[in-house]
Protein backbone atom coordinates (compact mmCIF):
# COMPACT_ATOMS: atom_id res chain seq x y z
CA UNK A 1 0.04 -0.09 -0.04
CA UNK A 2 1.64 3.50 -0.89
CA UNK A 3 1.60 6.35 1.53
CA UNK A 4 -0.97 7.57 -0.26
CA UNK A 5 -2.85 4.23 0.63
CA UNK A 6 -2.43 5.25 4.20
CA UNK A 7 -4.39 8.38 3.78
CA UNK A 8 -7.69 6.37 2.64
CA UNK A 9 -10.68 4.47 4.98
CA UNK A 10 -8.72 1.21 4.04
CA UNK A 11 -5.93 2.42 5.25
CA UNK A 12 -6.38 3.71 8.18
CA UNK A 13 -8.43 0.32 9.16
CA UNK A 14 -5.55 -1.89 8.01
CA UNK A 15 -2.50 0.47 9.38
CA UNK A 16 -4.18 1.41 12.57
CA UNK A 17 -5.80 -1.81 13.23
CA UNK A 18 -2.51 -3.00 12.82
CA UNK A 19 -1.34 -0.29 15.57
CA UNK A 20 -3.82 -1.15 17.66
CA UNK A 21 -4.24 -4.78 18.02
CA UNK A 22 0.18 -4.49 18.69
CA UNK A 23 -0.36 -1.95 21.16
CA UNK A 24 -3.18 -4.70 23.04
CA UNK A 25 -0.49 -7.52 22.64
CA UNK A 26 2.52 -5.39 23.83
CA UNK A 27 0.21 -3.86 26.97
CA UNK A 28 -0.58 -7.60 28.29
CA UNK A 29 2.60 -8.06 27.88
CA UNK A 30 3.78 -4.91 30.16
CA UNK A 31 6.74 -3.45 28.45
CA UNK A 32 3.67 -0.07 28.36
CA UNK A 33 3.17 -0.59 32.29
CA UNK A 34 2.91 2.25 35.04
CA UNK A 35 6.58 1.28 36.70
CA UNK A 36 8.55 1.46 33.26
CA UNK A 37 6.82 3.63 31.25
CA UNK A 38 5.54 6.50 33.67
CA UNK A 39 4.41 9.13 30.95
CA UNK A 40 2.95 6.58 28.62
CA UNK A 41 1.56 3.39 30.64
CA UNK A 42 -1.91 0.90 29.28
CA UNK A 43 -3.95 -0.76 31.52
CA UNK A 44 -5.99 -3.50 31.78
CA UNK A 45 -9.25 -1.96 30.39
CA UNK A 46 -6.75 0.01 27.60
CA UNK A 47 -5.45 -3.16 26.21
CA UNK A 48 -8.86 -5.25 26.09
CA UNK A 49 -9.81 -2.05 23.47
CA UNK A 50 -7.29 -1.53 21.62
CA UNK A 51 -7.04 -5.47 21.15
CA UNK A 52 -10.76 -5.73 20.38
CA UNK A 53 -10.94 -2.66 17.92
CA UNK A 54 -7.77 -3.86 16.23
CA UNK A 55 -8.97 -7.02 15.40
CA UNK A 56 -12.85 -5.69 14.43
CA UNK A 57 -10.85 -3.09 12.30
CA UNK A 58 -8.65 -6.04 10.10
CA UNK A 59 -11.62 -8.24 10.00
CA UNK A 60 -13.39 -5.61 8.30
CA UNK A 61 -11.07 -5.03 5.62
CA UNK A 62 -9.20 -9.18 5.51
CA UNK A 63 -12.04 -11.48 6.80
CA UNK A 64 -13.41 -12.73 3.10
CA UNK A 65 -17.74 -11.78 3.61
CA UNK A 66 -17.21 -9.27 5.88
CA UNK A 67 -14.37 -6.99 4.24
CA UNK A 68 -16.96 -7.11 0.84
CA UNK A 69 -20.40 -6.56 3.66
CA UNK A 70 -18.64 -3.29 4.94
CA UNK A 71 -16.31 -2.08 2.21
CA UNK A 72 -19.10 0.55 1.62
CA UNK A 73 -19.55 1.71 4.57
CA UNK A 74 -14.94 1.85 5.47
CA UNK A 75 -15.68 5.70 5.71
CA UNK A 76 -18.43 5.34 7.75
CA UNK A 77 -16.31 3.50 10.01
CA UNK A 78 -13.52 5.70 9.77
CA UNK A 79 -15.57 8.66 10.35
CA UNK A 80 -17.23 6.96 13.90
CA UNK A 81 -13.36 6.21 15.06
CA UNK A 82 -12.97 9.71 14.54
CA UNK A 83 -15.48 10.85 16.72
CA UNK A 84 -14.74 8.11 19.26
CA UNK A 85 -10.76 9.07 19.09
CA UNK A 86 -11.72 13.15 19.85
CA UNK A 87 -14.06 12.30 22.48
CA UNK A 88 -11.29 10.27 24.65
CA UNK A 89 -9.10 13.25 24.05
CA UNK A 90 -11.18 16.04 25.29
CA UNK A 91 -12.20 13.31 28.29
CA UNK A 92 -8.91 13.07 29.06
CA UNK A 93 -8.15 16.52 29.24
CA UNK A 94 -11.43 16.89 31.21
CA UNK A 95 -10.53 14.35 33.80
CA UNK A 96 -6.44 14.74 33.96
CA UNK A 97 -6.12 15.10 37.82
CA UNK A 98 -8.74 12.62 38.97
CA UNK A 99 -8.25 9.62 40.71
CA UNK A 100 -7.35 6.25 38.85
CA UNK A 101 -8.69 5.07 36.84
CA UNK A 102 -10.10 8.03 35.73
CA UNK A 103 -12.21 6.87 32.56
CA UNK A 104 -15.63 6.07 33.91
CA UNK A 105 -13.72 3.44 36.05
CA UNK A 106 -12.23 1.58 33.71
CA UNK A 107 -9.07 2.51 32.50
CA UNK A 108 -6.72 5.04 32.91
CA UNK A 109 -5.89 8.22 30.40
CA UNK A 110 -2.48 9.76 31.10
CA UNK A 111 -2.63 12.83 30.09
CA UNK A 112 -1.09 14.32 27.96
CA UNK A 113 0.33 11.81 26.35
CA UNK A 114 -2.99 9.71 25.97
CA UNK A 115 -4.85 12.39 25.36
CA UNK A 116 -2.45 14.09 22.25
CA UNK A 117 -2.52 10.70 21.13
CA UNK A 118 -5.75 10.36 20.10
CA UNK A 119 -5.47 13.87 19.05
CA UNK A 120 -3.56 12.55 16.37
CA UNK A 121 -5.83 9.23 15.34
CA UNK A 122 -8.90 11.87 14.85
CA UNK A 123 -7.11 13.64 12.93
CA UNK A 124 -5.83 10.53 11.10
CA UNK A 125 -9.16 9.42 11.14
CA UNK A 126 -10.81 13.02 9.36
CA UNK A 127 -8.20 13.00 6.62
CA UNK A 128 -8.97 10.10 5.59
CA UNK A 129 -12.01 10.16 4.55
CA UNK A 130 -11.65 13.57 3.14
CA UNK A 131 -12.39 14.09 -0.89
CA UNK A 132 -15.41 12.09 -2.94
CA UNK A 133 -16.85 9.07 -1.66
CA UNK A 134 -16.14 6.83 -4.67
CA UNK A 135 -12.73 7.52 -3.54
CA UNK A 136 -13.09 6.11 0.41
CA UNK A 137 -13.24 2.73 -0.42
CA UNK A 138 -9.61 2.18 -2.32
């Protein structure tokens, strides 16, 4: 996939799904633990979310049948992911300083690292869906 493919809905789901899956696995291995990386650590709630979202993103691109069913909706899936990422970025800034776990009692968002990362993800998602709807599934 070319760099141009990186900024398409399918590219976002493919690369973003792979990164999320990797983050979930690495998180469960304890590589990004609070003691190892205090500025950006992953707790169990984040690991489950990253693993699940990564698997779903990759499945709707690569699983035969599922990919053809979802291909017309890649753009809308990416828009939804962008909205969710933006929500957690804003929520993370609002909750900064709250006792852990500060995200619905299930996970912790480290401020500002998690929040900035979620802003980057939202920007990537929204950038990936720009242009004509014809190009959205490519």
